[in-house]
Amino acid sequence: MDGLWLYELEALETISQDEETRALFLRMAALQRAGRMSTFLSELDRDPDVDDDVKQPIAEIAQDADFLLALEDYCLRTNRLH
């Protein structure tokens, strides 16, 4: 084990603790499940209000279905505990 799982767990926890970030990522997970991520990515690319330095990382995360679905599951499970 190279410790990657610990880094990923910390990332999930950090995201789940910030209300706005959690809401954005959960919306992206829902879009991913619905097969509508390409629409989101197109709108993100055209949005002049989002800085280019922000667009690229969001687009990368939005395309990582495994991460988004793991985050969604993590938030649902930890929400029950809090």
PDB file of N, CA and C in Angstrom:
ATOM      1  N   MET A   1       0.854  -1.171   0.000  1.00  0.00           N
ATOM      2  CA  MET A   1       0.000   0.000   0.000  1.00  0.00           C
ATOM      3  C   MET A   1       0.899   1.233   0.000  1.00  0.00           C
ATOM      4  N   ASP A   2       0.658   2.144  -0.904  1.00  0.00           N
ATOM      5  CA  ASP A   2       1.534   3.305  -1.028  1.00  0.00           C
ATOM      6  C   ASP A   2       0.987   4.553  -0.353  1.00  0.00           C
ATOM      7  N   GLY A   3      -0.092   4.453   0.408  1.00  0.00           N
ATOM      8  CA  GLY A   3      -0.646   5.605   1.106  1.00  0.00           C
ATOM      9  C   GLY A   3      -1.598   6.432   0.272  1.00  0.00           C
ATOM     10  N   LEU A   4      -1.790   6.057  -0.987  1.00  0.00           N
ATOM     11  CA  LEU A   4      -2.702   6.798  -1.853  1.00  0.00           C
ATOM     12  C   LEU A   4      -4.112   6.807  -1.295  1.00  0.00           C
ATOM     13  N   TRP A   5      -4.531   5.716  -0.697  1.00  0.00           N
ATOM     14  CA  TRP A   5      -5.883   5.634  -0.131  1.00  0.00           C
ATOM     15  C   TRP A   5      -6.068   6.672   0.969  1.00  0.00           C
ATOM     16  N   LEU A   6      -5.009   6.967   1.758  1.00  0.00           N
ATOM     17  CA  LEU A   6      -5.113   7.951   2.818  1.00  0.00           C
ATOM     18  C   LEU A   6      -5.287   9.343   2.226  1.00  0.00           C
ATOM     19  N   TYR A   7      -4.540   9.640   1.162  1.00  0.00           N
ATOM     20  CA  TYR A   7      -4.676  10.926   0.478  1.00  0.00           C
ATOM     21  C   TYR A   7      -6.089  11.077  -0.068  1.00  0.00           C
ATOM     22  N   GLU A   8      -6.608  10.025  -0.677  1.00  0.00           N
ATOM     23  CA  GLU A   8      -7.954  10.088  -1.242  1.00  0.00           C
ATOM     24  C   GLU A   8      -9.004  10.260  -0.147  1.00  0.00           C
ATOM     25  N   LEU A   9      -8.822   9.600   0.976  1.00  0.00           N
ATOM     26  CA  LEU A   9      -9.745   9.743   2.086  1.00  0.00           C
ATOM     27  C   LEU A   9      -9.726  11.170   2.618  1.00  0.00           C
ATOM     28  N   GLU A  10      -8.543  11.749   2.724  1.00  0.00           N
ATOM     29  CA  GLU A  10      -8.431  13.137   3.174  1.00  0.00           C
ATOM     30  C   GLU A  10      -9.110  14.085   2.190  1.00  0.00           C
ATOM     31  N   ALA A  11      -8.969  13.823   0.893  1.00  0.00           N
ATOM     32  CA  ALA A  11      -9.620  14.659  -0.114  1.00  0.00           C
ATOM     33  C   ALA A  11     -11.134  14.552   0.003  1.00  0.00           C
ATOM     34  N   LEU A  12     -11.635  13.341   0.182  1.00  0.00           N
ATOM     35  CA  LEU A  12     -13.079  13.152   0.337  1.00  0.00           C
ATOM     36  C   LEU A  12     -13.583  13.892   1.567  1.00  0.00           C
ATOM     37  N   GLU A  13     -12.861  13.805   2.660  1.00  0.00           N
ATOM     38  CA  GLU A  13     -13.279  14.466   3.891  1.00  0.00           C
ATOM     39  C   GLU A  13     -13.242  15.985   3.741  1.00  0.00           C
ATOM     40  N   THR A  14     -12.198  16.506   3.118  1.00  0.00           N
ATOM     41  CA  THR A  14     -12.084  17.953   2.911  1.00  0.00           C
ATOM     42  C   THR A  14     -13.239  18.469   2.065  1.00  0.00           C
ATOM     43  N   ILE A  15     -13.531  17.789   0.986  1.00  0.00           N
ATOM     44  CA  ILE A  15     -14.634  18.198   0.109  1.00  0.00           C
ATOM     45  C   ILE A  15     -15.961  18.104   0.845  1.00  0.00           C
ATOM     46  N   SER A  16     -16.161  17.047   1.592  1.00  0.00           N
ATOM     47  CA  SER A  16     -17.446  16.845   2.264  1.00  0.00           C
ATOM     48  C   SER A  16     -17.696  17.878   3.360  1.00  0.00           C
ATOM     49  N   GLN A  17     -16.652  18.497   3.880  1.00  0.00           N
ATOM     50  CA  GLN A  17     -16.806  19.461   4.968  1.00  0.00           C
ATOM     51  C   GLN A  17     -17.128  20.872   4.485  1.00  0.00           C
ATOM     52  N   ASP A  18     -16.897  21.174   3.215  1.00  0.00           N
ATOM     53  CA  ASP A  18     -17.195  22.503   2.675  1.00  0.00           C
ATOM     54  C   ASP A  18     -18.518  22.435   1.922  1.00  0.00           C
ATOM     55  N   GLU A  19     -19.502  23.152   2.419  1.00  0.00           N
ATOM     56  CA  GLU A  19     -20.865  23.033   1.891  1.00  0.00           C
ATOM     57  C   GLU A  19     -20.965  23.338   0.396  1.00  0.00           C
ATOM     58  N   GLU A  20     -20.352  24.428  -0.048  1.00  0.00           N
ATOM     59  CA  GLU A  20     -20.440  24.802  -1.468  1.00  0.00           C
ATOM     60  C   GLU A  20     -19.699  23.807  -2.357  1.00  0.00           C
ATOM     61  N   THR A  21     -18.522  23.415  -1.926  1.00  0.00           N
ATOM     62  CA  THR A  21     -17.737  22.448  -2.700  1.00  0.00           C
ATOM     63  C   THR A  21     -18.459  21.111  -2.771  1.00  0.00           C
ATOM     64  N   ARG A  22     -18.977  20.665  -1.630  1.00  0.00           N
ATOM     65  CA  ARG A  22     -19.715  19.396  -1.592  1.00  0.00           C
ATOM     66  C   ARG A  22     -20.909  19.444  -2.542  1.00  0.00           C
ATOM     67  N   ALA A  23     -21.649  20.548  -2.531  1.00  0.00           N
ATOM     68  CA  ALA A  23     -22.821  20.678  -3.410  1.00  0.00           C
ATOM     69  C   ALA A  23     -22.417  20.607  -4.881  1.00  0.00           C
ATOM     70  N   LEU A  24     -21.329  21.288  -5.247  1.00  0.00           N
ATOM     71  CA  LEU A  24     -20.854  21.260  -6.636  1.00  0.00           C
ATOM     72  C   LEU A  24     -20.464  19.844  -7.055  1.00  0.00           C
ATOM     73  N   PHE A  25     -19.697  19.173  -6.208  1.00  0.00           N
ATOM     74  CA  PHE A  25     -19.227  17.833  -6.556  1.00  0.00           C
ATOM     75  C   PHE A  25     -20.378  16.828  -6.596  1.00  0.00           C
ATOM     76  N   LEU A  26     -21.341  16.981  -5.705  1.00  0.00           N
ATOM     77  CA  LEU A  26     -22.494  16.080  -5.746  1.00  0.00           C
ATOM     78  C   LEU A  26     -23.337  16.322  -6.993  1.00  0.00           C
ATOM     79  N   ARG A  27     -23.431  17.574  -7.424  1.00  0.00           N
ATOM     80  CA  ARG A  27     -24.134  17.858  -8.692  1.00  0.00           C
ATOM     81  C   ARG A  27     -23.383  17.238  -9.869  1.00  0.00           C
ATOM     82  N   MET A  28     -22.066  17.321  -9.839  1.00  0.00           N
ATOM     83  CA  MET A  28     -21.281  16.704 -10.916  1.00  0.00           C
ATOM     84  C   MET A  28     -21.453  15.184 -10.902  1.00  0.00           C
ATOM     85  N   ALA A  29     -21.529  14.587  -9.724  1.00  0.00           N
ATOM     86  CA  ALA A  29     -21.747  13.137  -9.630  1.00  0.00           C
ATOM     87  C   ALA A  29     -23.100  12.770 -10.223  1.00  0.00           C
ATOM     88  N   ALA A  30     -24.113  13.574  -9.925  1.00  0.00           N
ATOM     89  CA  ALA A  30     -25.450  13.314 -10.470  1.00  0.00           C
ATOM     90  C   ALA A  30     -25.447  13.433 -11.994  1.00  0.00           C
ATOM     91  N   LEU A  31     -24.753  14.443 -12.508  1.00  0.00           N
ATOM     92  CA  LEU A  31     -24.642  14.597 -13.964  1.00  0.00           C
ATOM     93  C   LEU A  31     -23.906  13.415 -14.577  1.00  0.00           C
ATOM     94  N   GLN A  32     -22.873  12.954 -13.895  1.00  0.00           N
ATOM     95  CA  GLN A  32     -22.110  11.798 -14.386  1.00  0.00           C
ATOM     96  C   GLN A  32     -23.011  10.569 -14.467  1.00  0.00           C
ATOM     97  N   ARG A  33     -23.795  10.321 -13.413  1.00  0.00           N
ATOM     98  CA  ARG A  33     -24.701   9.167 -13.410  1.00  0.00           C
ATOM     99  C   ARG A  33     -25.763   9.285 -14.498  1.00  0.00           C
ATOM    100  N   ALA A  34     -26.198  10.510 -14.780  1.00  0.00           N
ATOM    101  CA  ALA A  34     -27.250  10.735 -15.773  1.00  0.00           C
ATOM    102  C   ALA A  34     -26.705  10.798 -17.201  1.00  0.00           C
ATOM    103  N   GLY A  35     -25.378  10.722 -17.342  1.00  0.00           N
ATOM    104  CA  GLY A  35     -24.787  10.784 -18.676  1.00  0.00           C
ATOM    105  C   GLY A  35     -24.823  12.174 -19.284  1.00  0.00           C
ATOM    106  N   ARG A  36     -24.857  13.196 -18.440  1.00  0.00           N
ATOM    107  CA  ARG A  36     -24.969  14.574 -18.935  1.00  0.00           C
ATOM    108  C   ARG A  36     -23.714  15.404 -18.661  1.00  0.00           C
ATOM    109  N   MET A  37     -22.613  14.739 -18.408  1.00  0.00           N
ATOM    110  CA  MET A  37     -21.390  15.463 -18.073  1.00  0.00           C
ATOM    111  C   MET A  37     -20.885  16.292 -19.247  1.00  0.00           C
ATOM    112  N   SER A  38     -21.065  15.840 -20.471  1.00  0.00           N
ATOM    113  CA  SER A  38     -20.572  16.602 -21.622  1.00  0.00           C
ATOM    114  C   SER A  38     -21.256  17.966 -21.714  1.00  0.00           C
ATOM    115  N   THR A  39     -22.531  18.032 -21.364  1.00  0.00           N
ATOM    116  CA  THR A  39     -23.241  19.311 -21.360  1.00  0.00           C
ATOM    117  C   THR A  39     -22.635  20.245 -20.319  1.00  0.00           C
ATOM    118  N   PHE A  40     -22.378  19.724 -19.129  1.00  0.00           N
ATOM    119  CA  PHE A  40     -21.755  20.512 -18.075  1.00  0.00           C
ATOM    120  C   PHE A  40     -20.392  21.029 -18.516  1.00  0.00           C
ATOM    121  N   LEU A  41     -19.588  20.165 -19.119  1.00  0.00           N
ATOM    122  CA  LEU A  41     -18.247  20.556 -19.544  1.00  0.00           C
ATOM    123  C   LEU A  41     -18.305  21.620 -20.638  1.00  0.00           C
ATOM    124  N   SER A  42     -19.261  21.512 -21.532  1.00  0.00           N
ATOM    125  CA  SER A  42     -19.416  22.531 -22.586  1.00  0.00           C
ATOM    126  C   SER A  42     -19.802  23.876 -21.982  1.00  0.00           C
ATOM    127  N   GLU A  43     -20.737  23.852 -21.043  1.00  0.00           N
ATOM    128  CA  GLU A  43     -21.158  25.093 -20.394  1.00  0.00           C
ATOM    129  C   GLU A  43     -20.022  25.692 -19.572  1.00  0.00           C
ATOM    130  N   LEU A  44     -19.287  24.850 -18.893  1.00  0.00           N
ATOM    131  CA  LEU A  44     -18.139  25.322 -18.117  1.00  0.00           C
ATOM    132  C   LEU A  44     -17.127  25.995 -19.031  1.00  0.00           C
ATOM    133  N   ASP A  45     -16.835  25.384 -20.156  1.00  0.00           N
ATOM    134  CA  ASP A  45     -15.855  25.919 -21.096  1.00  0.00           C
ATOM    135  C   ASP A  45     -16.269  27.289 -21.639  1.00  0.00           C
ATOM    136  N   ARG A  46     -17.556  27.484 -21.830  1.00  0.00           N
ATOM    137  CA  ARG A  46     -18.056  28.749 -22.393  1.00  0.00           C
ATOM    138  C   ARG A  46     -18.320  29.831 -21.345  1.00  0.00           C
ATOM    139  N   ASP A  47     -18.282  29.490 -20.074  1.00  0.00           N
ATOM    140  CA  ASP A  47     -18.636  30.442 -19.015  1.00  0.00           C
ATOM    141  C   ASP A  47     -17.522  31.468 -18.797  1.00  0.00           C
ATOM    142  N   PRO A  48     -17.782  32.740 -19.136  1.00  0.00           N
ATOM    143  CA  PRO A  48     -16.743  33.766 -18.988  1.00  0.00           C
ATOM    144  C   PRO A  48     -16.501  34.141 -17.521  1.00  0.00           C
ATOM    145  N   ASP A  49     -17.407  33.782 -16.643  1.00  0.00           N
ATOM    146  CA  ASP A  49     -17.263  34.136 -15.229  1.00  0.00           C
ATOM    147  C   ASP A  49     -16.350  33.177 -14.463  1.00  0.00           C
ATOM    148  N   VAL A  50     -16.009  32.053 -15.068  1.00  0.00           N
ATOM    149  CA  VAL A  50     -15.127  31.081 -14.415  1.00  0.00           C
ATOM    150  C   VAL A  50     -13.728  31.250 -14.994  1.00  0.00           C
ATOM    151  N   ASP A  51     -12.792  31.492 -14.105  1.00  0.00           N
ATOM    152  CA  ASP A  51     -11.394  31.694 -14.479  1.00  0.00           C
ATOM    153  C   ASP A  51     -10.823  30.427 -15.127  1.00  0.00           C
ATOM    154  N   ASP A  52      -9.983  30.592 -16.126  1.00  0.00           N
ATOM    155  CA  ASP A  52      -9.379  29.444 -16.810  1.00  0.00           C
ATOM    156  C   ASP A  52      -8.583  28.556 -15.855  1.00  0.00           C
ATOM    157  N   ASP A  53      -7.981  29.159 -14.837  1.00  0.00           N
ATOM    158  CA  ASP A  53      -7.220  28.379 -13.856  1.00  0.00           C
ATOM    159  C   ASP A  53      -8.128  27.484 -13.022  1.00  0.00           C
ATOM    160  N   VAL A  54      -9.397  27.815 -12.968  1.00  0.00           N
ATOM    161  CA  VAL A  54     -10.377  27.021 -12.222  1.00  0.00           C
ATOM    162  C   VAL A  54     -11.028  25.989 -13.145  1.00  0.00           C
ATOM    163  N   LYS A  55     -11.230  26.365 -14.393  1.00  0.00           N
ATOM    164  CA  LYS A  55     -11.906  25.477 -15.342  1.00  0.00           C
ATOM    165  C   LYS A  55     -11.187  24.145 -15.521  1.00  0.00           C
ATOM    166  N   GLN A  56      -9.881  24.194 -15.688  1.00  0.00           N
ATOM    167  CA  GLN A  56      -9.140  22.969 -15.983  1.00  0.00           C
ATOM    168  C   GLN A  56      -9.237  21.940 -14.851  1.00  0.00           C
ATOM    169  N   PRO A  57      -8.979  22.310 -13.587  1.00  0.00           N
ATOM    170  CA  PRO A  57      -9.109  21.307 -12.524  1.00  0.00           C
ATOM    171  C   PRO A  57     -10.535  20.785 -12.369  1.00  0.00           C
ATOM    172  N   ILE A  58     -11.521  21.649 -12.521  1.00  0.00           N
ATOM    173  CA  ILE A  58     -12.913  21.197 -12.411  1.00  0.00           C
ATOM    174  C   ILE A  58     -13.227  20.223 -13.536  1.00  0.00           C
ATOM    175  N   ALA A  59     -12.777  20.536 -14.737  1.00  0.00           N
ATOM    176  CA  ALA A  59     -13.023  19.642 -15.872  1.00  0.00           C
ATOM    177  C   ALA A  59     -12.352  18.282 -15.665  1.00  0.00           C
ATOM    178  N   GLU A  60     -11.150  18.283 -15.112  1.00  0.00           N
ATOM    179  CA  GLU A  60     -10.463  17.016 -14.850  1.00  0.00           C
ATOM    180  C   GLU A  60     -11.229  16.169 -13.841  1.00  0.00           C
ATOM    181  N   ILE A  61     -11.661  16.803 -12.765  1.00  0.00           N
ATOM    182  CA  ILE A  61     -12.418  16.084 -11.740  1.00  0.00           C
ATOM    183  C   ILE A  61     -13.755  15.611 -12.295  1.00  0.00           C
ATOM    184  N   ALA A  62     -14.399  16.450 -13.091  1.00  0.00           N
ATOM    185  CA  ALA A  62     -15.705  16.110 -13.657  1.00  0.00           C
ATOM    186  C   ALA A  62     -15.637  14.872 -14.542  1.00  0.00           C
ATOM    187  N   GLN A  63     -14.480  14.605 -15.113  1.00  0.00           N
ATOM    188  CA  GLN A  63     -14.323  13.448 -15.990  1.00  0.00           C
ATOM    189  C   GLN A  63     -13.896  12.187 -15.245  1.00  0.00           C
ATOM    190  N   ASP A  64     -13.658  12.310 -13.945  1.00  0.00           N
ATOM    191  CA  ASP A  64     -13.248  11.163 -13.134  1.00  0.00           C
ATOM    192  C   ASP A  64     -14.483  10.570 -12.448  1.00  0.00           C
ATOM    193  N   ALA A  65     -15.197   9.750 -13.171  1.00  0.00           N
ATOM    194  CA  ALA A  65     -16.453   9.176 -12.680  1.00  0.00           C
ATOM    195  C   ALA A  65     -16.253   8.379 -11.403  1.00  0.00           C
ATOM    196  N   ASP A  66     -15.170   7.620 -11.328  1.00  0.00           N
ATOM    197  CA  ASP A  66     -14.923   6.815 -10.128  1.00  0.00           C
ATOM    198  C   ASP A  66     -14.797   7.693  -8.892  1.00  0.00           C
ATOM    199  N   PHE A  67     -14.059   8.782  -9.010  1.00  0.00           N
ATOM    200  CA  PHE A  67     -13.890   9.687  -7.875  1.00  0.00           C
ATOM    201  C   PHE A  67     -15.213  10.326  -7.479  1.00  0.00           C
ATOM    202  N   LEU A  68     -15.953  10.825  -8.460  1.00  0.00           N
ATOM    203  CA  LEU A  68     -17.224  11.493  -8.160  1.00  0.00           C
ATOM    204  C   LEU A  68     -18.217  10.545  -7.490  1.00  0.00           C
ATOM    205  N   LEU A  69     -18.294   9.324  -7.975  1.00  0.00           N
ATOM    206  CA  LEU A  69     -19.223   8.367  -7.385  1.00  0.00           C
ATOM    207  C   LEU A  69     -18.754   7.927  -5.996  1.00  0.00           C
ATOM    208  N   ALA A  70     -17.439   7.833  -5.806  1.00  0.00           N
ATOM    209  CA  ALA A  70     -16.908   7.519  -4.475  1.00  0.00           C
ATOM    210  C   ALA A  70     -17.198   8.663  -3.506  1.00  0.00           C
ATOM    211  N   LEU A  71     -17.061   9.884  -3.976  1.00  0.00           N
ATOM    212  CA  LEU A  71     -17.368  11.041  -3.138  1.00  0.00           C
ATOM    213  C   LEU A  71     -18.842  11.058  -2.758  1.00  0.00           C
ATOM    214  N   GLU A  72     -19.693  10.800  -3.724  1.00  0.00           N
ATOM    215  CA  GLU A  72     -21.130  10.770  -3.468  1.00  0.00           C
ATOM    216  C   GLU A  72     -21.449   9.717  -2.395  1.00  0.00           C
ATOM    217  N   ASP A  73     -20.885   8.545  -2.534  1.00  0.00           N
ATOM    218  CA  ASP A  73     -21.098   7.476  -1.567  1.00  0.00           C
ATOM    219  C   ASP A  73     -20.553   7.873  -0.194  1.00  0.00           C
ATOM    220  N   TYR A  74     -19.378   8.469  -0.170  1.00  0.00           N
ATOM    221  CA  TYR A  74     -18.759   8.907   1.088  1.00  0.00           C
ATOM    222  C   TYR A  74     -19.647   9.933   1.788  1.00  0.00           C
ATOM    223  N   CYS A  75     -20.148  10.905   1.050  1.00  0.00           N
ATOM    224  CA  CYS A  75     -20.999  11.936   1.639  1.00  0.00           C
ATOM    225  C   CYS A  75     -22.292  11.336   2.193  1.00  0.00           C
ATOM    226  N   LEU A  76     -22.878  10.413   1.468  1.00  0.00           N
ATOM    227  CA  LEU A  76     -24.106   9.775   1.947  1.00  0.00           C
ATOM    228  C   LEU A  76     -23.852   8.978   3.220  1.00  0.00           C
ATOM    229  N   ARG A  77     -22.762   8.246   3.252  1.00  0.00           N
ATOM    230  CA  ARG A  77     -22.451   7.429   4.420  1.00  0.00           C
ATOM    231  C   ARG A  77     -22.065   8.268   5.634  1.00  0.00           C
ATOM    232  N   THR A  78     -21.254   9.290   5.425  1.00  0.00           N
ATOM    233  CA  THR A  78     -20.819  10.098   6.556  1.00  0.00           C
ATOM    234  C   THR A  78     -21.928  11.028   7.039  1.00  0.00           C
ATOM    235  N   ASN A  79     -22.834  11.399   6.162  1.00  0.00           N
ATOM    236  CA  ASN A  79     -23.964  12.240   6.555  1.00  0.00           C
ATOM    237  C   ASN A  79     -24.827  11.511   7.586  1.00  0.00           C
ATOM    238  N   ARG A  80     -24.932  10.224   7.442  1.00  0.00           N
ATOM    239  CA  ARG A  80     -25.700   9.419   8.401  1.00  0.00           C
ATOM    240  C   ARG A  80     -25.033   9.411   9.772  1.00  0.00           C
ATOM    241  N   LEU A  81     -23.715   9.520   9.793  1.00  0.00           N
ATOM    242  CA  LEU A  81     -22.981   9.463  11.044  1.00  0.00           C
ATOM    243  C   LEU A  81     -22.940  10.802  11.774  1.00  0.00           C
ATOM    244  N   HIS A  82     -23.090  11.890  11.034  1.00  0.00           N
ATOM    245  CA  HIS A  82     -23.004  13.226  11.649  1.00  0.00           C
ATOM    246  C   HIS A  82     -24.340  13.641  12.061  1.00  0.00           C
TER     247      HIS A  82
END
